[in-house]
Amino acid sequence: MESSLVIVFYVACVAVLGVLALCRARVLEGALVMRDMRALLFYTLGGAACGMLARHGNGAAAAVALACAVVSARTDAQCGYIFDVVTLPSAIAVVCIALVEGNLSTALFGASVAGGSLALLHVFSGGRGMGLGDVKLALVLGGAFGPLVGLLALAVAFVVGALTAIALLFTRRVHRGDSVRFGPFLAAGAIAASVAQGW
């Protein structure tokens, strides 16, 4: 799949998943509305990462996963939820693409490793430190990128999340015990891992 086609596919995925998110929660101001530079940055970087990955033959699954990640980041930041209507169709699409491309076992293993890692955190934290939406998003990312790049995405997400939390505590924008939504950091990790893989 050529880079331009992958980017068009990514934009289409963002549009579809964004509309699904809007239908799920009409209280949102709009998962596709570019109301700040952070949202614009996420959408743009996701498209750029897709273009890079297309050169290595991982374009279609990456486009779905990155679209899922950026839309989920937007909804999580806006209302605190990562919706099943975004993650589940994305997971199905990633599995179907893997089946067509003949790498289903790698996709399933990657989903198990990435999703299982966050599922353990969800269980041990009693759901307070990690939500099920984050777990499902990690499943999609692991399925699309495989176990190694999926774990790299999680590692980047935790590092960036921890640094951001420290900065917010230091500037007193949040207090001890406040929750910090993890979806945007998962999206940042996915984009960073994609760029590393496609470089």
C-alpha atoms as a PDB file:
ATOM      1  CA  MET A   1       0.000   0.000   0.000  1.00  0.00           C
ATOM      2  CA  GLU A   2       1.516   3.332  -1.071  1.00  0.00           C
ATOM      3  CA  SER A   3       2.075   6.084   1.499  1.00  0.00           C
ATOM      4  CA  SER A   4      -0.549   8.396   0.002  1.00  0.00           C
ATOM      5  CA  LEU A   5      -3.181   5.641   0.014  1.00  0.00           C
ATOM      6  CA  VAL A   6      -2.357   4.731   3.608  1.00  0.00           C
ATOM      7  CA  ILE A   7      -2.731   8.354   4.694  1.00  0.00           C
ATOM      8  CA  VAL A   8      -6.096   8.605   2.914  1.00  0.00           C
ATOM      9  CA  PHE A   9      -7.158   5.350   4.604  1.00  0.00           C
ATOM     10  CA  TYR A  10      -6.019   6.763   7.969  1.00  0.00           C
ATOM     11  CA  VAL A  11      -8.066   9.934   7.470  1.00  0.00           C
ATOM     12  CA  ALA A  12     -11.097   7.832   6.545  1.00  0.00           C
ATOM     13  CA  CYS A  13     -10.628   5.709   9.678  1.00  0.00           C
ATOM     14  CA  VAL A  14     -10.355   8.827  11.855  1.00  0.00           C
ATOM     15  CA  ALA A  15     -13.563  10.169  10.326  1.00  0.00           C
ATOM     16  CA  VAL A  16     -15.512   6.936  10.803  1.00  0.00           C
ATOM     17  CA  LEU A  17     -14.282   6.308  14.347  1.00  0.00           C
ATOM     18  CA  GLY A  18     -14.853   9.939  15.271  1.00  0.00           C
ATOM     19  CA  VAL A  19     -18.455   9.777  14.077  1.00  0.00           C
ATOM     20  CA  LEU A  20     -18.966   6.538  16.039  1.00  0.00           C
ATOM     21  CA  ALA A  21     -17.605   8.273  19.154  1.00  0.00           C
ATOM     22  CA  LEU A  22     -19.941  11.218  18.615  1.00  0.00           C
ATOM     23  CA  CYS A  23     -22.922   8.883  18.234  1.00  0.00           C
ATOM     24  CA  ARG A  24     -21.947   7.128  21.462  1.00  0.00           C
ATOM     25  CA  ALA A  25     -21.708  10.308  23.508  1.00  0.00           C
ATOM     26  CA  ARG A  26     -23.516  13.326  22.120  1.00  0.00           C
ATOM     27  CA  VAL A  27     -22.327  15.348  25.090  1.00  0.00           C
ATOM     28  CA  LEU A  28     -18.894  15.547  23.505  1.00  0.00           C
ATOM     29  CA  GLU A  29     -18.053  18.809  21.819  1.00  0.00           C
ATOM     30  CA  GLY A  30     -16.744  16.771  18.917  1.00  0.00           C
ATOM     31  CA  ALA A  31     -14.065  14.116  18.616  1.00  0.00           C
ATOM     32  CA  LEU A  32     -13.133  15.471  15.200  1.00  0.00           C
ATOM     33  CA  VAL A  33     -13.165  19.179  16.048  1.00  0.00           C
ATOM     34  CA  MET A  34      -9.728  20.760  16.168  1.00  0.00           C
ATOM     35  CA  ARG A  35     -10.271  23.026  19.163  1.00  0.00           C
ATOM     36  CA  ASP A  36      -6.651  23.169  20.265  1.00  0.00           C
ATOM     37  CA  MET A  37      -3.158  22.565  19.006  1.00  0.00           C
ATOM     38  CA  ARG A  38      -2.772  19.297  20.931  1.00  0.00           C
ATOM     39  CA  ALA A  39      -5.641  17.671  19.018  1.00  0.00           C
ATOM     40  CA  LEU A  40      -4.301  18.960  15.705  1.00  0.00           C
ATOM     41  CA  LEU A  41      -0.829  17.700  16.622  1.00  0.00           C
ATOM     42  CA  PHE A  42      -2.110  14.193  17.438  1.00  0.00           C
ATOM     43  CA  TYR A  43      -4.080  13.876  14.192  1.00  0.00           C
ATOM     44  CA  THR A  44      -1.219  15.218  12.081  1.00  0.00           C
ATOM     45  CA  LEU A  45       1.487  13.094  13.710  1.00  0.00           C
ATOM     46  CA  GLY A  46      -0.708  10.008  13.351  1.00  0.00           C
ATOM     47  CA  GLY A  47      -0.959  10.610   9.617  1.00  0.00           C
ATOM     48  CA  ALA A  48       2.779  11.213   9.297  1.00  0.00           C
ATOM     49  CA  ALA A  49       3.532   7.987  11.185  1.00  0.00           C
ATOM     50  CA  CYS A  50       1.207   6.082   8.845  1.00  0.00           C
ATOM     51  CA  GLY A  51       3.071   7.417   5.851  1.00  0.00           C
ATOM     52  CA  MET A  52       6.392   6.262   7.303  1.00  0.00           C
ATOM     53  CA  LEU A  53       5.091   2.795   8.152  1.00  0.00           C
ATOM     54  CA  ALA A  54       3.654   2.348   4.662  1.00  0.00           C
ATOM     55  CA  ARG A  55       7.204   2.119   3.331  1.00  0.00           C
ATOM     56  CA  HIS A  56       7.710  -0.999   5.462  1.00  0.00           C
ATOM     57  CA  GLY A  57       4.500  -2.766   4.479  1.00  0.00           C
ATOM     58  CA  ASN A  58       2.679  -2.186   7.775  1.00  0.00           C
ATOM     59  CA  GLY A  59       0.366   0.537   6.535  1.00  0.00           C
ATOM     60  CA  ALA A  60      -3.220  -0.701   6.716  1.00  0.00           C
ATOM     61  CA  ALA A  61      -3.182  -2.127  10.249  1.00  0.00           C
ATOM     62  CA  ALA A  62      -1.154   0.844  11.488  1.00  0.00           C
ATOM     63  CA  ALA A  63      -3.659   3.268   9.969  1.00  0.00           C
ATOM     64  CA  VAL A  64      -6.528   1.622  11.843  1.00  0.00           C
ATOM     65  CA  ALA A  65      -4.594   1.460  15.125  1.00  0.00           C
ATOM     66  CA  LEU A  66      -3.334   5.036  14.972  1.00  0.00           C
ATOM     67  CA  ALA A  67      -6.778   6.342  14.019  1.00  0.00           C
ATOM     68  CA  CYS A  68      -8.212   4.434  16.984  1.00  0.00           C
ATOM     69  CA  ALA A  69      -5.502   5.859  19.246  1.00  0.00           C
ATOM     70  CA  VAL A  70      -5.921   9.512  18.267  1.00  0.00           C
ATOM     71  CA  VAL A  71      -9.731   9.429  18.429  1.00  0.00           C
ATOM     72  CA  SER A  72      -9.555   7.619  21.793  1.00  0.00           C
ATOM     73  CA  ALA A  73      -7.049  10.177  23.055  1.00  0.00           C
ATOM     74  CA  ARG A  74      -9.437  12.948  22.088  1.00  0.00           C
ATOM     75  CA  THR A  75     -12.476  11.398  23.762  1.00  0.00           C
ATOM     76  CA  ASP A  76     -10.515  10.370  26.866  1.00  0.00           C
ATOM     77  CA  ALA A  77      -9.088  13.864  27.286  1.00  0.00           C
ATOM     78  CA  GLN A  78     -12.489  15.424  26.710  1.00  0.00           C
ATOM     79  CA  CYS A  79     -14.794  13.260  28.811  1.00  0.00           C
ATOM     80  CA  GLY A  80     -12.685  10.527  30.423  1.00  0.00           C
ATOM     81  CA  TYR A  81     -13.882   7.611  28.286  1.00  0.00           C
ATOM     82  CA  ILE A  82     -12.398   5.382  25.599  1.00  0.00           C
ATOM     83  CA  PHE A  83     -15.439   3.955  23.854  1.00  0.00           C
ATOM     84  CA  ASP A  84     -16.057   0.349  22.817  1.00  0.00           C
ATOM     85  CA  VAL A  85     -17.614   1.624  19.575  1.00  0.00           C
ATOM     86  CA  VAL A  86     -14.140   2.906  18.691  1.00  0.00           C
ATOM     87  CA  THR A  87     -11.870   0.128  20.021  1.00  0.00           C
ATOM     88  CA  LEU A  88     -13.905  -2.972  19.133  1.00  0.00           C
ATOM     89  CA  PRO A  89     -14.395  -2.231  15.403  1.00  0.00           C
ATOM     90  CA  SER A  90     -10.719  -1.278  15.268  1.00  0.00           C
ATOM     91  CA  ALA A  91      -9.713  -4.588  16.860  1.00  0.00           C
ATOM     92  CA  ILE A  92     -11.862  -6.524  14.383  1.00  0.00           C
ATOM     93  CA  ALA A  93     -10.370  -4.582  11.474  1.00  0.00           C
ATOM     94  CA  VAL A  94      -6.805  -5.238  12.695  1.00  0.00           C
ATOM     95  CA  VAL A  95      -7.527  -8.978  12.989  1.00  0.00           C
ATOM     96  CA  CYS A  96      -9.079  -9.073   9.505  1.00  0.00           C
ATOM     97  CA  ILE A  97      -6.091  -7.248   8.001  1.00  0.00           C
ATOM     98  CA  ALA A  98      -3.705  -9.637   9.757  1.00  0.00           C
ATOM     99  CA  LEU A  99      -5.685 -12.592   8.420  1.00  0.00           C
ATOM    100  CA  VAL A 100      -5.476 -11.277   4.868  1.00  0.00           C
ATOM    101  CA  GLU A 101      -1.771 -10.464   5.188  1.00  0.00           C
ATOM    102  CA  GLY A 102      -0.980 -13.868   6.723  1.00  0.00           C
ATOM    103  CA  ASN A 103       0.373 -12.677  10.073  1.00  0.00           C
ATOM    104  CA  LEU A 104      -2.570 -13.481  12.337  1.00  0.00           C
ATOM    105  CA  SER A 105      -0.443 -15.293  14.936  1.00  0.00           C
ATOM    106  CA  THR A 106       1.845 -12.268  15.341  1.00  0.00           C
ATOM    107  CA  ALA A 107      -1.145  -9.944  15.673  1.00  0.00           C
ATOM    108  CA  LEU A 108      -2.816 -12.125  18.298  1.00  0.00           C
ATOM    109  CA  PHE A 109       0.434 -12.495  20.229  1.00  0.00           C
ATOM    110  CA  GLY A 110       1.026  -8.746  20.113  1.00  0.00           C
ATOM    111  CA  ALA A 111      -2.513  -8.053  21.302  1.00  0.00           C
ATOM    112  CA  SER A 112      -2.080 -10.545  24.142  1.00  0.00           C
ATOM    113  CA  VAL A 113       1.228  -9.037  25.270  1.00  0.00           C
ATOM    114  CA  ALA A 114       0.223  -5.364  25.115  1.00  0.00           C
ATOM    115  CA  GLY A 115      -3.364  -5.823  26.257  1.00  0.00           C
ATOM    116  CA  GLY A 116      -2.412  -8.384  28.881  1.00  0.00           C
ATOM    117  CA  SER A 117       0.155  -6.024  30.408  1.00  0.00           C
ATOM    118  CA  LEU A 118      -2.424  -3.315  30.985  1.00  0.00           C
ATOM    119  CA  ALA A 119      -5.051  -5.875  32.010  1.00  0.00           C
ATOM    120  CA  LEU A 120      -2.768  -6.961  34.857  1.00  0.00           C
ATOM    121  CA  LEU A 121      -2.404  -3.344  35.968  1.00  0.00           C
ATOM    122  CA  HIS A 122      -6.176  -2.961  35.789  1.00  0.00           C
ATOM    123  CA  VAL A 123      -6.701  -6.022  38.000  1.00  0.00           C
ATOM    124  CA  PHE A 124      -4.014  -5.171  40.563  1.00  0.00           C
ATOM    125  CA  SER A 125      -5.112  -1.536  40.841  1.00  0.00           C
ATOM    126  CA  GLY A 126      -8.763  -2.482  41.209  1.00  0.00           C
ATOM    127  CA  GLY A 127      -9.555  -0.416  38.127  1.00  0.00           C
ATOM    128  CA  ARG A 128      -8.338   2.808  39.737  1.00  0.00           C
ATOM    129  CA  GLY A 129      -4.971   3.047  38.012  1.00  0.00           C
ATOM    130  CA  MET A 130      -5.962   1.707  34.596  1.00  0.00           C
ATOM    131  CA  GLY A 131      -9.361   1.597  32.920  1.00  0.00           C
ATOM    132  CA  LEU A 132     -10.701  -1.126  30.647  1.00  0.00           C
ATOM    133  CA  GLY A 133     -10.782   1.361  27.779  1.00  0.00           C
ATOM    134  CA  ASP A 134      -7.010   1.689  28.063  1.00  0.00           C
ATOM    135  CA  VAL A 135      -6.699  -2.111  28.045  1.00  0.00           C
ATOM    136  CA  LYS A 136      -8.785  -2.410  24.868  1.00  0.00           C
ATOM    137  CA  LEU A 137      -6.798   0.330  23.154  1.00  0.00           C
ATOM    138  CA  ALA A 138      -3.569  -1.497  24.047  1.00  0.00           C
ATOM    139  CA  LEU A 139      -5.030  -4.668  22.502  1.00  0.00           C
ATOM    140  CA  VAL A 140      -5.559  -2.807  19.226  1.00  0.00           C
ATOM    141  CA  LEU A 141      -2.059  -1.329  19.288  1.00  0.00           C
ATOM    142  CA  GLY A 142      -0.404  -4.661  20.086  1.00  0.00           C
ATOM    143  CA  GLY A 143      -2.404  -6.407  17.392  1.00  0.00           C
ATOM    144  CA  ALA A 144      -1.432  -3.854  14.765  1.00  0.00           C
ATOM    145  CA  PHE A 145       2.237  -3.410  15.639  1.00  0.00           C
ATOM    146  CA  GLY A 146       3.197  -6.780  17.124  1.00  0.00           C
ATOM    147  CA  PRO A 147       4.587  -7.555  20.584  1.00  0.00           C
ATOM    148  CA  LEU A 148       7.885  -5.639  20.474  1.00  0.00           C
ATOM    149  CA  VAL A 149       6.609  -2.371  19.018  1.00  0.00           C
ATOM    150  CA  GLY A 150       3.440  -2.722  21.105  1.00  0.00           C
ATOM    151  CA  LEU A 151       5.534  -2.903  24.283  1.00  0.00           C
ATOM    152  CA  LEU A 152       7.636   0.029  23.067  1.00  0.00           C
ATOM    153  CA  ALA A 153       4.433   2.050  22.662  1.00  0.00           C
ATOM    154  CA  LEU A 154       3.427   1.188  26.242  1.00  0.00           C
ATOM    155  CA  ALA A 155       6.891   2.059  27.565  1.00  0.00           C
ATOM    156  CA  VAL A 156       6.823   5.461  25.863  1.00  0.00           C
ATOM    157  CA  ALA A 157       3.285   6.040  27.156  1.00  0.00           C
ATOM    158  CA  PHE A 158       4.318   5.318  30.760  1.00  0.00           C
ATOM    159  CA  VAL A 159       7.444   7.486  30.567  1.00  0.00           C
ATOM    160  CA  VAL A 160       5.627  10.439  28.992  1.00  0.00           C
ATOM    161  CA  GLY A 161       2.696   9.976  31.361  1.00  0.00           C
ATOM    162  CA  ALA A 162       4.959   9.901  34.415  1.00  0.00           C
ATOM    163  CA  LEU A 163       6.886  13.001  33.324  1.00  0.00           C
ATOM    164  CA  THR A 164       3.638  14.837  32.611  1.00  0.00           C
ATOM    165  CA  ALA A 165       2.184  13.857  35.988  1.00  0.00           C
ATOM    166  CA  ILE A 166       5.326  15.098  37.759  1.00  0.00           C
ATOM    167  CA  ALA A 167       5.162  18.396  35.867  1.00  0.00           C
ATOM    168  CA  LEU A 168       1.463  18.816  36.696  1.00  0.00           C
ATOM    169  CA  LEU A 169       2.124  18.092  40.376  1.00  0.00           C
ATOM    170  CA  PHE A 170       5.057  20.492  40.421  1.00  0.00           C
ATOM    171  CA  THR A 171       2.950  23.278  38.887  1.00  0.00           C
ATOM    172  CA  ARG A 172       0.022  22.340  41.172  1.00  0.00           C
ATOM    173  CA  ARG A 173      -2.373  21.824  38.277  1.00  0.00           C
ATOM    174  CA  VAL A 174      -3.219  18.435  39.806  1.00  0.00           C
ATOM    175  CA  HIS A 175      -2.936  17.117  43.360  1.00  0.00           C
ATOM    176  CA  ARG A 176      -1.940  13.772  44.859  1.00  0.00           C
ATOM    177  CA  GLY A 177      -4.750  11.285  44.330  1.00  0.00           C
ATOM    178  CA  ASP A 178      -6.098  13.020  41.219  1.00  0.00           C
ATOM    179  CA  SER A 179      -6.478  10.802  38.162  1.00  0.00           C
ATOM    180  CA  VAL A 180      -4.533  11.524  34.984  1.00  0.00           C
ATOM    181  CA  ARG A 181      -6.177  10.176  31.830  1.00  0.00           C
ATOM    182  CA  PHE A 182      -3.925   7.679  30.085  1.00  0.00           C
ATOM    183  CA  GLY A 183      -5.465   7.608  26.583  1.00  0.00           C
ATOM    184  CA  PRO A 184      -3.490  10.583  25.236  1.00  0.00           C
ATOM    185  CA  PHE A 185      -0.249   9.014  26.448  1.00  0.00           C
ATOM    186  CA  LEU A 186      -1.097   5.718  24.753  1.00  0.00           C
ATOM    187  CA  ALA A 187      -1.660   7.648  21.526  1.00  0.00           C
ATOM    188  CA  ALA A 188       1.667   9.447  21.964  1.00  0.00           C
ATOM    189  CA  GLY A 189       3.371   6.106  22.614  1.00  0.00           C
ATOM    190  CA  ALA A 190       1.771   4.573  19.525  1.00  0.00           C
ATOM    191  CA  ILE A 191       2.910   7.459  17.328  1.00  0.00           C
ATOM    192  CA  ALA A 192       6.446   7.376  18.745  1.00  0.00           C
ATOM    193  CA  ALA A 193       6.708   3.595  18.335  1.00  0.00           C
ATOM    194  CA  SER A 194       5.358   3.863  14.777  1.00  0.00           C
ATOM    195  CA  VAL A 195       7.957   6.458  13.867  1.00  0.00           C
ATOM    196  CA  ALA A 196      10.701   4.291  15.398  1.00  0.00           C
ATOM    197  CA  GLN A 197       9.499   1.272  13.421  1.00  0.00           C
ATOM    198  CA  GLY A 198       9.158   3.164  10.157  1.00  0.00           C
ATOM    199  CA  TRP A 199      12.448   5.068  10.398  1.00  0.00           C
END
